[in-house]
N, C-alpha and C. Protein backbone atom coordinates (compact mmCIF):
# COMPACT_ATOMS: atom_id res chain seq x y z
N UNK A 1 -38.26 -3.22 -38.83
CA UNK A 1 -38.23 -2.80 -37.44
C UNK A 1 -36.93 -3.29 -36.79
N UNK A 2 -36.36 -2.49 -35.94
CA UNK A 2 -35.09 -2.83 -35.29
C UNK A 2 -35.36 -3.70 -34.07
N UNK A 3 -34.65 -4.81 -33.97
CA UNK A 3 -34.76 -5.70 -32.82
C UNK A 3 -33.73 -5.26 -31.77
N UNK A 4 -34.16 -4.39 -30.86
CA UNK A 4 -33.25 -3.80 -29.87
C UNK A 4 -32.70 -4.84 -28.91
N UNK A 5 -33.52 -5.82 -28.54
CA UNK A 5 -33.04 -6.84 -27.61
C UNK A 5 -31.85 -7.59 -28.22
N UNK A 6 -31.96 -7.94 -29.50
CA UNK A 6 -30.86 -8.65 -30.16
C UNK A 6 -29.62 -7.76 -30.26
N UNK A 7 -29.81 -6.48 -30.57
CA UNK A 7 -28.67 -5.57 -30.70
C UNK A 7 -27.98 -5.36 -29.35
N UNK A 8 -28.75 -5.22 -28.28
CA UNK A 8 -28.17 -4.94 -26.97
C UNK A 8 -27.56 -6.17 -26.31
N UNK A 9 -27.85 -7.35 -26.83
CA UNK A 9 -27.24 -8.56 -26.28
C UNK A 9 -26.11 -9.07 -27.18
N UNK A 10 -25.75 -8.31 -28.19
CA UNK A 10 -24.70 -8.70 -29.11
C UNK A 10 -23.33 -8.54 -28.45
N UNK A 11 -22.53 -9.60 -28.49
CA UNK A 11 -21.18 -9.53 -27.93
C UNK A 11 -20.30 -8.57 -28.72
N UNK A 12 -20.52 -8.50 -30.03
CA UNK A 12 -19.75 -7.56 -30.87
C UNK A 12 -20.03 -6.12 -30.43
N UNK A 13 -21.29 -5.81 -30.21
CA UNK A 13 -21.68 -4.47 -29.78
C UNK A 13 -21.00 -4.11 -28.46
N UNK A 14 -21.04 -5.02 -27.49
CA UNK A 14 -20.47 -4.72 -26.18
C UNK A 14 -18.95 -4.63 -26.22
N UNK A 15 -18.30 -5.37 -27.11
CA UNK A 15 -16.85 -5.23 -27.25
C UNK A 15 -16.49 -3.84 -27.76
N UNK A 16 -17.26 -3.35 -28.72
CA UNK A 16 -17.02 -2.01 -29.24
C UNK A 16 -17.28 -0.97 -28.16
N UNK A 17 -18.33 -1.16 -27.37
CA UNK A 17 -18.63 -0.22 -26.28
C UNK A 17 -17.50 -0.22 -25.26
N UNK A 18 -17.02 -1.39 -24.89
CA UNK A 18 -15.91 -1.48 -23.92
C UNK A 18 -14.67 -0.79 -24.47
N UNK A 19 -14.38 -1.00 -25.74
CA UNK A 19 -13.23 -0.34 -26.36
C UNK A 19 -13.36 1.17 -26.35
N UNK A 20 -14.55 1.67 -26.67
CA UNK A 20 -14.77 3.11 -26.68
C UNK A 20 -14.65 3.70 -25.28
N UNK A 21 -15.23 3.02 -24.30
CA UNK A 21 -15.13 3.49 -22.91
C UNK A 21 -13.68 3.48 -22.45
N UNK A 22 -12.95 2.45 -22.82
CA UNK A 22 -11.53 2.35 -22.48
C UNK A 22 -10.75 3.54 -23.04
N UNK A 23 -11.00 3.87 -24.30
CA UNK A 23 -10.31 5.00 -24.92
C UNK A 23 -10.67 6.32 -24.24
N UNK A 24 -11.94 6.51 -23.95
CA UNK A 24 -12.38 7.74 -23.31
C UNK A 24 -11.78 7.86 -21.91
N UNK A 25 -11.79 6.76 -21.16
CA UNK A 25 -11.22 6.79 -19.81
C UNK A 25 -9.72 7.04 -19.84
N UNK A 26 -9.04 6.45 -20.81
CA UNK A 26 -7.60 6.66 -20.91
C UNK A 26 -7.29 8.13 -21.19
N UNK A 27 -8.06 8.74 -22.07
CA UNK A 27 -7.84 10.15 -22.39
C UNK A 27 -8.30 11.06 -21.24
N UNK A 28 -9.49 10.79 -20.70
CA UNK A 28 -10.07 11.66 -19.67
C UNK A 28 -9.39 11.55 -18.33
N UNK A 29 -9.02 10.35 -17.93
CA UNK A 29 -8.42 10.15 -16.61
C UNK A 29 -6.90 10.06 -16.67
N UNK A 30 -6.38 10.15 -17.88
CA UNK A 30 -4.94 10.06 -18.09
C UNK A 30 -4.36 8.84 -17.36
N UNK A 31 -4.80 7.66 -17.79
CA UNK A 31 -4.36 6.42 -17.16
C UNK A 31 -2.88 6.13 -17.41
N UNK A 32 -2.30 6.82 -18.36
CA UNK A 32 -0.87 6.67 -18.61
C UNK A 32 -0.50 5.47 -19.44
N UNK A 33 -1.45 4.89 -20.14
CA UNK A 33 -1.13 3.75 -21.01
C UNK A 33 -0.45 4.25 -22.27
N UNK A 34 0.59 3.56 -22.67
CA UNK A 34 1.31 3.99 -23.86
C UNK A 34 0.51 3.66 -25.12
N UNK A 35 0.91 4.26 -26.21
CA UNK A 35 0.17 4.13 -27.46
C UNK A 35 0.19 2.70 -28.00
N UNK A 36 1.26 1.98 -27.78
CA UNK A 36 1.35 0.59 -28.24
C UNK A 36 0.30 -0.28 -27.56
N UNK A 37 0.11 -0.09 -26.27
CA UNK A 37 -0.88 -0.87 -25.53
C UNK A 37 -2.28 -0.58 -26.02
N UNK A 38 -2.57 0.69 -26.22
CA UNK A 38 -3.89 1.09 -26.71
C UNK A 38 -4.12 0.52 -28.10
N UNK A 39 -3.14 0.62 -28.97
CA UNK A 39 -3.27 0.11 -30.33
C UNK A 39 -3.48 -1.40 -30.32
N UNK A 40 -2.75 -2.12 -29.50
CA UNK A 40 -2.90 -3.58 -29.40
C UNK A 40 -4.30 -3.93 -28.91
N UNK A 41 -4.81 -3.20 -27.94
CA UNK A 41 -6.15 -3.44 -27.41
C UNK A 41 -7.21 -3.22 -28.49
N UNK A 42 -7.07 -2.14 -29.25
CA UNK A 42 -8.03 -1.84 -30.32
C UNK A 42 -7.95 -2.90 -31.41
N UNK A 43 -6.75 -3.33 -31.78
CA UNK A 43 -6.61 -4.39 -32.79
C UNK A 43 -7.25 -5.69 -32.30
N UNK A 44 -7.11 -5.98 -31.04
CA UNK A 44 -7.72 -7.18 -30.46
C UNK A 44 -9.25 -7.11 -30.59
N UNK A 45 -9.82 -5.98 -30.24
CA UNK A 45 -11.27 -5.80 -30.35
C UNK A 45 -11.72 -5.89 -31.80
N UNK A 46 -11.01 -5.21 -32.70
CA UNK A 46 -11.39 -5.26 -34.11
C UNK A 46 -11.27 -6.68 -34.68
N UNK A 47 -10.24 -7.38 -34.30
CA UNK A 47 -10.08 -8.76 -34.75
C UNK A 47 -11.23 -9.64 -34.29
N UNK A 48 -11.64 -9.46 -33.04
CA UNK A 48 -12.76 -10.23 -32.50
C UNK A 48 -14.04 -9.90 -33.26
N UNK A 49 -14.31 -8.62 -33.46
CA UNK A 49 -15.53 -8.20 -34.14
C UNK A 49 -15.56 -8.72 -35.58
N UNK A 50 -14.45 -8.60 -36.30
CA UNK A 50 -14.41 -9.09 -37.68
C UNK A 50 -14.53 -10.61 -37.74
N UNK A 51 -13.90 -11.33 -36.82
CA UNK A 51 -14.00 -12.79 -36.81
C UNK A 51 -15.43 -13.24 -36.51
N UNK A 52 -16.07 -12.60 -35.55
CA UNK A 52 -17.46 -12.93 -35.25
C UNK A 52 -18.38 -12.58 -36.41
N UNK A 53 -18.11 -11.46 -37.06
CA UNK A 53 -18.89 -11.08 -38.24
C UNK A 53 -18.74 -12.09 -39.36
N UNK A 54 -17.53 -12.56 -39.58
CA UNK A 54 -17.30 -13.57 -40.60
C UNK A 54 -18.02 -14.87 -40.25
N UNK A 55 -18.00 -15.25 -38.98
CA UNK A 55 -18.71 -16.45 -38.55
C UNK A 55 -20.22 -16.29 -38.75
N UNK A 56 -20.74 -15.10 -38.50
CA UNK A 56 -22.16 -14.84 -38.72
C UNK A 56 -22.52 -14.97 -40.20
N UNK A 57 -21.66 -14.44 -41.06
CA UNK A 57 -21.91 -14.52 -42.51
C UNK A 57 -21.91 -15.98 -42.96
N UNK A 58 -20.94 -16.76 -42.49
CA UNK A 58 -20.87 -18.18 -42.87
C UNK A 58 -22.11 -18.91 -42.39
N UNK A 59 -22.55 -18.65 -41.18
CA UNK A 59 -23.73 -19.35 -40.67
C UNK A 59 -24.99 -18.97 -41.44
N UNK A 60 -25.08 -17.75 -41.90
CA UNK A 60 -26.25 -17.35 -42.69
C UNK A 60 -26.25 -18.02 -44.06
N UNK A 61 -25.07 -18.19 -44.67
CA UNK A 61 -25.00 -18.89 -45.95
C UNK A 61 -25.34 -20.37 -45.78
N UNK A 62 -24.98 -20.95 -44.66
CA UNK A 62 -25.30 -22.36 -44.41
C UNK A 62 -26.79 -22.56 -44.21
N UNK A 63 -27.47 -21.54 -43.67
CA UNK A 63 -28.92 -21.64 -43.46
C UNK A 63 -29.68 -21.62 -44.77
N UNK A 64 -29.16 -20.93 -45.77
CA UNK A 64 -29.86 -20.79 -47.05
C UNK A 64 -29.76 -21.98 -47.88
């Protein structure tokens, strides 16, 4: 069974949502941000998500 409360309170999930909304708003509203800024923002989000994922994996191995 899926634990929706845990999924909806995940910081990784909300970072990805913020990144997606940012991209959609930039395209839809033509915010005028250059491609380098957008790429840097996406890399920042991906780095955060991967680092948190790695920390989660390490903590699960320590529990076992």
